Amino acid sequence: MNLLLIRLIIFAVLFFAGLKLYRMYREWKLDREELLEGDDRQEGGQMVRCTWCQVHVPETDALREQGEWFCSSAHRDRYLEEKRTDEE
């Protein structure tokens, strides 16, 4: 009876150790895939042109309003104000 209990305990320990190792491997693999995918991406991102001043800025830094790109909120406001006066 004691031998059966010892075998059961050893089996349980090995099972949980294997489960832990599998989870660690799966997490490592996902991290590695994310790292490899991140290398293909350009650091600055795509460049877009400001509608007001025609300067190119990274898309992540640009502002978008009504389908147009702007380098700053001041240029966006000036463009929208000018557009409004042209429509009237």
PDB file of N, CA and C in Angstrom:
ATOM      1  N   MET A   1       0.818  -1.187   0.000  1.00  0.00           N
ATOM      2  CA  MET A   1       0.000   0.000   0.000  1.00  0.00           C
ATOM      3  C   MET A   1       0.862   1.251   0.000  1.00  0.00           C
ATOM      4  N   ASN A   2       1.955   1.242   0.799  1.00  0.00           N
ATOM      5  CA  ASN A   2       2.840   2.392   0.844  1.00  0.00           C
ATOM      6  C   ASN A   2       3.489   2.625  -0.516  1.00  0.00           C
ATOM      7  N   LEU A   3       3.864   1.559  -1.194  1.00  0.00           N
ATOM      8  CA  LEU A   3       4.508   1.672  -2.496  1.00  0.00           C
ATOM      9  C   LEU A   3       3.559   2.287  -3.520  1.00  0.00           C
ATOM     10  N   LEU A   4       2.299   1.943  -3.464  1.00  0.00           N
ATOM     11  CA  LEU A   4       1.305   2.504  -4.374  1.00  0.00           C
ATOM     12  C   LEU A   4       1.128   4.002  -4.132  1.00  0.00           C
ATOM     13  N   LEU A   5       1.106   4.417  -2.891  1.00  0.00           N
ATOM     14  CA  LEU A   5       0.970   5.827  -2.538  1.00  0.00           C
ATOM     15  C   LEU A   5       2.186   6.624  -3.006  1.00  0.00           C
ATOM     16  N   ILE A   6       3.365   6.072  -2.839  1.00  0.00           N
ATOM     17  CA  ILE A   6       4.600   6.744  -3.275  1.00  0.00           C
ATOM     18  C   ILE A   6       4.594   6.895  -4.796  1.00  0.00           C
ATOM     19  N   ARG A   7       4.200   5.856  -5.504  1.00  0.00           N
ATOM     20  CA  ARG A   7       4.127   5.933  -6.972  1.00  0.00           C
ATOM     21  C   ARG A   7       3.120   6.990  -7.421  1.00  0.00           C
ATOM     22  N   LEU A   8       1.995   7.068  -6.735  1.00  0.00           N
ATOM     23  CA  LEU A   8       0.975   8.055  -7.061  1.00  0.00           C
ATOM     24  C   LEU A   8       1.508   9.469  -6.836  1.00  0.00           C
ATOM     25  N   ILE A   9       2.204   9.702  -5.768  1.00  0.00           N
ATOM     26  CA  ILE A   9       2.783  11.017  -5.470  1.00  0.00           C
ATOM     27  C   ILE A   9       3.830  11.377  -6.523  1.00  0.00           C
ATOM     28  N   ILE A  10       4.691  10.429  -6.870  1.00  0.00           N
ATOM     29  CA  ILE A  10       5.721  10.682  -7.885  1.00  0.00           C
ATOM     30  C   ILE A  10       5.068  10.999  -9.230  1.00  0.00           C
ATOM     31  N   PHE A  11       4.039  10.249  -9.595  1.00  0.00           N
ATOM     32  CA  PHE A  11       3.331  10.490 -10.849  1.00  0.00           C
ATOM     33  C   PHE A  11       2.714  11.892 -10.858  1.00  0.00           C
ATOM     34  N   ALA A  12       2.098  12.302  -9.761  1.00  0.00           N
ATOM     35  CA  ALA A  12       1.472  13.626  -9.672  1.00  0.00           C
ATOM     36  C   ALA A  12       2.514  14.728  -9.797  1.00  0.00           C
ATOM     37  N   VAL A  13       3.666  14.561  -9.130  1.00  0.00           N
ATOM     38  CA  VAL A  13       4.731  15.560  -9.205  1.00  0.00           C
ATOM     39  C   VAL A  13       5.261  15.664 -10.635  1.00  0.00           C
ATOM     40  N   LEU A  14       5.486  14.521 -11.269  1.00  0.00           N
ATOM     41  CA  LEU A  14       5.975  14.541 -12.651  1.00  0.00           C
ATOM     42  C   LEU A  14       4.948  15.155 -13.606  1.00  0.00           C
ATOM     43  N   PHE A  15       3.674  14.868 -13.380  1.00  0.00           N
ATOM     44  CA  PHE A  15       2.627  15.423 -14.224  1.00  0.00           C
ATOM     45  C   PHE A  15       2.589  16.948 -14.119  1.00  0.00           C
ATOM     46  N   PHE A  16       2.609  17.479 -12.896  1.00  0.00           N
ATOM     47  CA  PHE A  16       2.554  18.927 -12.718  1.00  0.00           C
ATOM     48  C   PHE A  16       3.841  19.608 -13.192  1.00  0.00           C
ATOM     49  N   ALA A  17       4.981  18.943 -13.035  1.00  0.00           N
ATOM     50  CA  ALA A  17       6.240  19.494 -13.551  1.00  0.00           C
ATOM     51  C   ALA A  17       6.207  19.556 -15.078  1.00  0.00           C
ATOM     52  N   GLY A  18       5.694  18.506 -15.709  1.00  0.00           N
ATOM     53  CA  GLY A  18       5.566  18.500 -17.166  1.00  0.00           C
ATOM     54  C   GLY A  18       4.601  19.563 -17.655  1.00  0.00           C
ATOM     55  N   LEU A  19       3.507  19.749 -16.954  1.00  0.00           N
ATOM     56  CA  LEU A  19       2.541  20.778 -17.299  1.00  0.00           C
ATOM     57  C   LEU A  19       3.161  22.167 -17.190  1.00  0.00           C
ATOM     58  N   LYS A  20       3.924  22.384 -16.142  1.00  0.00           N
ATOM     59  CA  LYS A  20       4.601  23.676 -15.946  1.00  0.00           C
ATOM     60  C   LYS A  20       5.616  23.916 -17.067  1.00  0.00           C
ATOM     61  N   LEU A  21       6.392  22.902 -17.420  1.00  0.00           N
ATOM     62  CA  LEU A  21       7.365  23.048 -18.505  1.00  0.00           C
ATOM     63  C   LEU A  21       6.681  23.326 -19.839  1.00  0.00           C
ATOM     64  N   TYR A  22       5.554  22.675 -20.093  1.00  0.00           N
ATOM     65  CA  TYR A  22       4.806  22.911 -21.330  1.00  0.00           C
ATOM     66  C   TYR A  22       4.314  24.349 -21.395  1.00  0.00           C
ATOM     67  N   ARG A  23       3.786  24.866 -20.296  1.00  0.00           N
ATOM     68  CA  ARG A  23       3.313  26.254 -20.269  1.00  0.00           C
ATOM     69  C   ARG A  23       4.459  27.239 -20.473  1.00  0.00           C
ATOM     70  N   MET A  24       5.607  26.961 -19.876  1.00  0.00           N
ATOM     71  CA  MET A  24       6.777  27.827 -20.057  1.00  0.00           C
ATOM     72  C   MET A  24       7.230  27.810 -21.517  1.00  0.00           C
ATOM     73  N   TYR A  25       7.231  26.643 -22.136  1.00  0.00           N
ATOM     74  CA  TYR A  25       7.628  26.524 -23.539  1.00  0.00           C
ATOM     75  C   TYR A  25       6.661  27.283 -24.438  1.00  0.00           C
ATOM     76  N   ARG A  26       5.376  27.132 -24.192  1.00  0.00           N
ATOM     77  CA  ARG A  26       4.364  27.807 -25.012  1.00  0.00           C
ATOM     78  C   ARG A  26       4.496  29.326 -24.891  1.00  0.00           C
ATOM     79  N   GLU A  27       4.729  29.840 -23.687  1.00  0.00           N
ATOM     80  CA  GLU A  27       4.915  31.276 -23.480  1.00  0.00           C
ATOM     81  C   GLU A  27       6.187  31.754 -24.177  1.00  0.00           C
ATOM     82  N   TRP A  28       7.263  30.982 -24.086  1.00  0.00           N
ATOM     83  CA  TRP A  28       8.518  31.340 -24.747  1.00  0.00           C
ATOM     84  C   TRP A  28       8.326  31.398 -26.262  1.00  0.00           C
ATOM     85  N   LYS A  29       7.587  30.420 -26.793  1.00  0.00           N
ATOM     86  CA  LYS A  29       7.355  30.366 -28.232  1.00  0.00           C
ATOM     87  C   LYS A  29       6.541  31.573 -28.698  1.00  0.00           C
ATOM     88  N   LEU A  30       5.503  31.960 -27.967  1.00  0.00           N
ATOM     89  CA  LEU A  30       4.695  33.125 -28.320  1.00  0.00           C
ATOM     90  C   LEU A  30       5.516  34.408 -28.257  1.00  0.00           C
ATOM     91  N   ASP A  31       6.352  34.536 -27.227  1.00  0.00           N
ATOM     92  CA  ASP A  31       7.214  35.716 -27.116  1.00  0.00           C
ATOM     93  C   ASP A  31       8.185  35.794 -28.284  1.00  0.00           C
ATOM     94  N   ARG A  32       8.715  34.656 -28.670  1.00  0.00           N
ATOM     95  CA  ARG A  32       9.675  34.623 -29.783  1.00  0.00           C
ATOM     96  C   ARG A  32       8.995  35.001 -31.092  1.00  0.00           C
ATOM     97  N   GLU A  33       7.774  34.511 -31.316  1.00  0.00           N
ATOM     98  CA  GLU A  33       7.025  34.861 -32.527  1.00  0.00           C
ATOM     99  C   GLU A  33       6.738  36.354 -32.576  1.00  0.00           C
ATOM    100  N   GLU A  34       6.368  36.955 -31.444  1.00  0.00           N
ATOM    101  CA  GLU A  34       6.114  38.389 -31.400  1.00  0.00           C
ATOM    102  C   GLU A  34       7.386  39.173 -31.701  1.00  0.00           C
ATOM    103  N   LEU A  35       8.502  38.694 -31.193  1.00  0.00           N
ATOM    104  CA  LEU A  35       9.779  39.359 -31.453  1.00  0.00           C
ATOM    105  C   LEU A  35      10.120  39.315 -32.930  1.00  0.00           C
ATOM    106  N   LEU A  36       9.940  38.163 -33.555  1.00  0.00           N
ATOM    107  CA  LEU A  36      10.252  38.030 -34.973  1.00  0.00           C
ATOM    108  C   LEU A  36       9.316  38.866 -35.832  1.00  0.00           C
ATOM    109  N   GLU A  37       8.049  38.955 -35.466  1.00  0.00           N
ATOM    110  CA  GLU A  37       7.105  39.784 -36.203  1.00  0.00           C
ATOM    111  C   GLU A  37       7.442  41.253 -36.050  1.00  0.00           C
ATOM    112  N   GLY A  38       7.922  41.653 -34.880  1.00  0.00           N
ATOM    113  CA  GLY A  38       8.262  43.044 -34.622  1.00  0.00           C
ATOM    114  C   GLY A  38       9.456  43.516 -35.429  1.00  0.00           C
ATOM    115  N   ASP A  39      10.360  42.610 -35.825  1.00  0.00           N
ATOM    116  CA  ASP A  39      11.535  43.000 -36.597  1.00  0.00           C
ATOM    117  C   ASP A  39      11.170  43.418 -38.011  1.00  0.00           C
ATOM    118  N   ASP A  40      10.085  42.894 -38.564  1.00  0.00           N
ATOM    119  CA  ASP A  40       9.675  43.218 -39.916  1.00  0.00           C
ATOM    120  C   ASP A  40       9.048  44.602 -40.014  1.00  0.00           C
ATOM    121  N   ARG A  41       8.576  45.123 -38.913  1.00  0.00           N
ATOM    122  CA  ARG A  41       7.872  46.388 -38.909  1.00  0.00           C
ATOM    123  C   ARG A  41       8.871  47.539 -38.923  1.00  0.00           C
ATOM    124  N   GLN A  42       8.575  48.602 -39.668  1.00  0.00           N
ATOM    125  CA  GLN A  42       9.435  49.770 -39.683  1.00  0.00           C
ATOM    126  C   GLN A  42       9.250  50.520 -38.381  1.00  0.00           C
ATOM    127  N   GLU A  43      10.323  51.133 -37.908  1.00  0.00           N
ATOM    128  CA  GLU A  43      10.274  51.776 -36.609  1.00  0.00           C
ATOM    129  C   GLU A  43       9.374  53.006 -36.602  1.00  0.00           C
ATOM    130  N   GLY A  44       9.480  53.857 -37.623  1.00  0.00           N
ATOM    131  CA  GLY A  44       8.710  55.094 -37.638  1.00  0.00           C
ATOM    132  C   GLY A  44       7.313  54.928 -38.180  1.00  0.00           C
ATOM    133  N   GLY A  45       7.066  53.900 -38.895  1.00  0.00           N
ATOM    134  CA  GLY A  45       5.761  53.700 -39.492  1.00  0.00           C
ATOM    135  C   GLY A  45       5.660  54.397 -40.838  1.00  0.00           C
ATOM    136  N   GLN A  46       4.478  54.405 -41.384  1.00  0.00           N
ATOM    137  CA  GLN A  46       4.237  55.002 -42.689  1.00  0.00           C
ATOM    138  C   GLN A  46       4.218  56.522 -42.552  1.00  0.00           C
ATOM    139  N   MET A  47       4.734  57.207 -43.578  1.00  0.00           N
ATOM    140  CA  MET A  47       4.760  58.664 -43.592  1.00  0.00           C
ATOM    141  C   MET A  47       3.508  59.176 -44.308  1.00  0.00           C
ATOM    142  N   VAL A  48       2.930  60.248 -43.774  1.00  0.00           N
ATOM    143  CA  VAL A  48       1.775  60.895 -44.394  1.00  0.00           C
ATOM    144  C   VAL A  48       2.080  62.381 -44.548  1.00  0.00           C
ATOM    145  N   ARG A  49       1.374  63.034 -45.464  1.00  0.00           N
ATOM    146  CA  ARG A  49       1.632  64.444 -45.751  1.00  0.00           C
ATOM    147  C   ARG A  49       0.566  65.312 -45.100  1.00  0.00           C
ATOM    148  N   CYS A  50       1.011  66.371 -44.440  1.00  0.00           N
ATOM    149  CA  CYS A  50       0.095  67.341 -43.847  1.00  0.00           C
ATOM    150  C   CYS A  50      -0.633  68.071 -44.975  1.00  0.00           C
ATOM    151  N   THR A  51      -1.941  68.154 -44.870  1.00  0.00           N
ATOM    152  CA  THR A  51      -2.748  68.800 -45.900  1.00  0.00           C
ATOM    153  C   THR A  51      -2.475  70.302 -45.951  1.00  0.00           C
ATOM    154  N   TRP A  52      -2.138  70.900 -44.834  1.00  0.00           N
ATOM    155  CA  TRP A  52      -1.938  72.345 -44.776  1.00  0.00           C
ATOM    156  C   TRP A  52      -0.556  72.771 -45.277  1.00  0.00           C
ATOM    157  N   CYS A  53       0.511  72.165 -44.739  1.00  0.00           N
ATOM    158  CA  CYS A  53       1.874  72.627 -45.053  1.00  0.00           C
ATOM    159  C   CYS A  53       2.661  71.664 -45.944  1.00  0.00           C
ATOM    160  N   GLN A  54       2.103  70.516 -46.285  1.00  0.00           N
ATOM    161  CA  GLN A  54       2.712  69.525 -47.171  1.00  0.00           C
ATOM    162  C   GLN A  54       3.974  68.867 -46.585  1.00  0.00           C
ATOM    163  N   VAL A  55       4.170  68.940 -45.290  1.00  0.00           N
ATOM    164  CA  VAL A  55       5.314  68.305 -44.626  1.00  0.00           C
ATOM    165  C   VAL A  55       4.955  66.853 -44.326  1.00  0.00           C
ATOM    166  N   HIS A  56       5.906  65.951 -44.532  1.00  0.00           N
ATOM    167  CA  HIS A  56       5.691  64.529 -44.226  1.00  0.00           C
ATOM    168  C   HIS A  56       6.002  64.261 -42.759  1.00  0.00           C
ATOM    169  N   VAL A  57       5.098  63.558 -42.101  1.00  0.00           N
ATOM    170  CA  VAL A  57       5.268  63.168 -40.694  1.00  0.00           C
ATOM    171  C   VAL A  57       4.884  61.703 -40.548  1.00  0.00           C
ATOM    172  N   PRO A  58       5.428  61.009 -39.529  1.00  0.00           N
ATOM    173  CA  PRO A  58       5.022  59.616 -39.303  1.00  0.00           C
ATOM    174  C   PRO A  58       3.528  59.540 -38.977  1.00  0.00           C
ATOM    175  N   GLU A  59       2.904  58.506 -39.454  1.00  0.00           N
ATOM    176  CA  GLU A  59       1.463  58.331 -39.252  1.00  0.00           C
ATOM    177  C   GLU A  59       1.105  58.290 -37.773  1.00  0.00           C
ATOM    178  N   THR A  60       2.005  57.760 -36.951  1.00  0.00           N
ATOM    179  CA  THR A  60       1.727  57.669 -35.519  1.00  0.00           C
ATOM    180  C   THR A  60       1.705  59.035 -34.853  1.00  0.00           C
ATOM    181  N   ASP A  61       2.406  60.030 -35.421  1.00  0.00           N
ATOM    182  CA  ASP A  61       2.439  61.377 -34.854  1.00  0.00           C
ATOM    183  C   ASP A  61       1.417  62.308 -35.485  1.00  0.00           C
ATOM    184  N   ALA A  62       0.848  61.923 -36.602  1.00  0.00           N
ATOM    185  CA  ALA A  62      -0.066  62.791 -37.344  1.00  0.00           C
ATOM    186  C   ALA A  62      -1.480  62.729 -36.765  1.00  0.00           C
ATOM    187  N   LEU A  63      -2.246  63.765 -37.077  1.00  0.00           N
ATOM    188  CA  LEU A  63      -3.651  63.837 -36.683  1.00  0.00           C
ATOM    189  C   LEU A  63      -4.503  63.661 -37.930  1.00  0.00           C
ATOM    190  N   ARG A  64      -5.619  62.976 -37.794  1.00  0.00           N
ATOM    191  CA  ARG A  64      -6.493  62.748 -38.944  1.00  0.00           C
ATOM    192  C   ARG A  64      -7.871  63.315 -38.649  1.00  0.00           C
ATOM    193  N   GLU A  65      -8.361  64.099 -39.583  1.00  0.00           N
ATOM    194  CA  GLU A  65      -9.676  64.711 -39.445  1.00  0.00           C
ATOM    195  C   GLU A  65     -10.341  64.743 -40.812  1.00  0.00           C
ATOM    196  N   GLN A  66     -11.524  64.215 -40.921  1.00  0.00           N
ATOM    197  CA  GLN A  66     -12.308  64.190 -42.144  1.00  0.00           C
ATOM    198  C   GLN A  66     -11.518  63.626 -43.330  1.00  0.00           C
ATOM    199  N   GLY A  67     -10.750  62.584 -43.079  1.00  0.00           N
ATOM    200  CA  GLY A  67     -10.000  61.918 -44.141  1.00  0.00           C
ATOM    201  C   GLY A  67      -8.720  62.625 -44.547  1.00  0.00           C
ATOM    202  N   GLU A  68      -8.345  63.699 -43.875  1.00  0.00           N
ATOM    203  CA  GLU A  68      -7.125  64.454 -44.179  1.00  0.00           C
ATOM    204  C   GLU A  68      -6.130  64.292 -43.036  1.00  0.00           C
ATOM    205  N   TRP A  69      -4.834  64.368 -43.354  1.00  0.00           N
ATOM    206  CA  TRP A  69      -3.765  64.236 -42.362  1.00  0.00           C
ATOM    207  C   TRP A  69      -3.189  65.607 -42.051  1.00  0.00           C
ATOM    208  N   PHE A  70      -2.812  65.812 -40.783  1.00  0.00           N
ATOM    209  CA  PHE A  70      -2.241  67.083 -40.338  1.00  0.00           C
ATOM    210  C   PHE A  70      -1.071  66.821 -39.394  1.00  0.00           C
ATOM    211  N   CYS A  71      -0.073  67.726 -39.438  1.00  0.00           N
ATOM    212  CA  CYS A  71       1.105  67.552 -38.584  1.00  0.00           C
ATOM    213  C   CYS A  71       0.875  68.111 -37.182  1.00  0.00           C
ATOM    214  N   SER A  72      -0.098  69.015 -37.024  1.00  0.00           N
ATOM    215  CA  SER A  72      -0.380  69.587 -35.704  1.00  0.00           C
ATOM    216  C   SER A  72      -1.843  69.987 -35.619  1.00  0.00           C
ATOM    217  N   SER A  73      -2.282  70.238 -34.405  1.00  0.00           N
ATOM    218  CA  SER A  73      -3.674  70.648 -34.219  1.00  0.00           C
ATOM    219  C   SER A  73      -3.901  72.054 -34.759  1.00  0.00           C
ATOM    220  N   ALA A  74      -2.875  72.896 -34.738  1.00  0.00           N
ATOM    221  CA  ALA A  74      -3.012  74.249 -35.280  1.00  0.00           C
ATOM    222  C   ALA A  74      -3.277  74.206 -36.786  1.00  0.00           C
ATOM    223  N   HIS A  75      -2.555  73.370 -37.505  1.00  0.00           N
ATOM    224  CA  HIS A  75      -2.768  73.246 -38.945  1.00  0.00           C
ATOM    225  C   HIS A  75      -4.131  72.637 -39.244  1.00  0.00           C
ATOM    226  N   ARG A  76      -4.541  71.701 -38.422  1.00  0.00           N
ATOM    227  CA  ARG A  76      -5.864  71.101 -38.603  1.00  0.00           C
ATOM    228  C   ARG A  76      -6.954  72.151 -38.430  1.00  0.00           C
ATOM    229  N   ASP A  77      -6.833  72.939 -37.364  1.00  0.00           N
ATOM    230  CA  ASP A  77      -7.847  73.963 -37.102  1.00  0.00           C
ATOM    231  C   ASP A  77      -7.870  75.020 -38.202  1.00  0.00           C
ATOM    232  N   ARG A  78      -6.714  75.460 -38.678  1.00  0.00           N
ATOM    233  CA  ARG A  78      -6.649  76.467 -39.739  1.00  0.00           C
ATOM    234  C   ARG A  78      -7.275  75.930 -41.030  1.00  0.00           C
ATOM    235  N   TYR A  79      -6.977  74.685 -41.360  1.00  0.00           N
ATOM    236  CA  TYR A  79      -7.525  74.080 -42.574  1.00  0.00           C
ATOM    237  C   TYR A  79      -9.045  73.975 -42.493  1.00  0.00           C
ATOM    238  N   LEU A  80      -9.544  73.479 -41.351  1.00  0.00           N
ATOM    239  CA  LEU A  80     -10.991  73.318 -41.200  1.00  0.00           C
ATOM    240  C   LEU A  80     -11.705  74.674 -41.193  1.00  0.00           C
ATOM    241  N   GLU A  81     -11.082  75.679 -40.604  1.00  0.00           N
ATOM    242  CA  GLU A  81     -11.667  77.026 -40.586  1.00  0.00           C
ATOM    243  C   GLU A  81     -11.711  77.596 -41.994  1.00  0.00           C
ATOM    244  N   GLU A  82     -10.635  77.435 -42.735  1.00  0.00           N
ATOM    245  CA  GLU A  82     -10.589  77.921 -44.120  1.00  0.00           C
ATOM    246  C   GLU A  82     -11.598  77.173 -45.002  1.00  0.00           C
ATOM    247  N   LYS A  83     -11.725  75.893 -44.771  1.00  0.00           N
ATOM    248  CA  LYS A  83     -12.672  75.089 -45.528  1.00  0.00           C
ATOM    249  C   LYS A  83     -14.101  75.535 -45.257  1.00  0.00           C
ATOM    250  N   ARG A  84     -14.382  75.869 -43.994  1.00  0.00           N
ATOM    251  CA  ARG A  84     -15.719  76.326 -43.618  1.00  0.00           C
ATOM    252  C   ARG A  84     -16.055  77.659 -44.280  1.00  0.00           C
ATOM    253  N   THR A  85     -15.093  78.575 -44.329  1.00  0.00           N
ATOM    254  CA  THR A  85     -15.349  79.884 -44.934  1.00  0.00           C
ATOM    255  C   THR A  85     -15.498  79.753 -46.441  1.00  0.00           C
ATOM    256  N   ASP A  86     -14.805  78.810 -47.067  1.00  0.00           N
ATOM    257  CA  ASP A  86     -14.939  78.589 -48.504  1.00  0.00           C
ATOM    258  C   ASP A  86     -16.315  78.031 -48.865  1.00  0.00           C
ATOM    259  N   GLU A  87     -16.881  77.224 -47.970  1.00  0.00           N
ATOM    260  CA  GLU A  87     -18.181  76.624 -48.230  1.00  0.00           C
ATOM    261  C   GLU A  87     -19.308  77.636 -48.111  1.00  0.00           C
ATOM    262  N   GLU A  88     -19.103  78.700 -47.327  1.00  0.00           N
ATOM    263  CA  GLU A  88     -20.181  79.686 -47.097  1.00  0.00           C
ATOM    264  C   GLU A  88     -20.284  80.675 -48.193  1.00  0.00           C
TER     265      GLU A  88
END
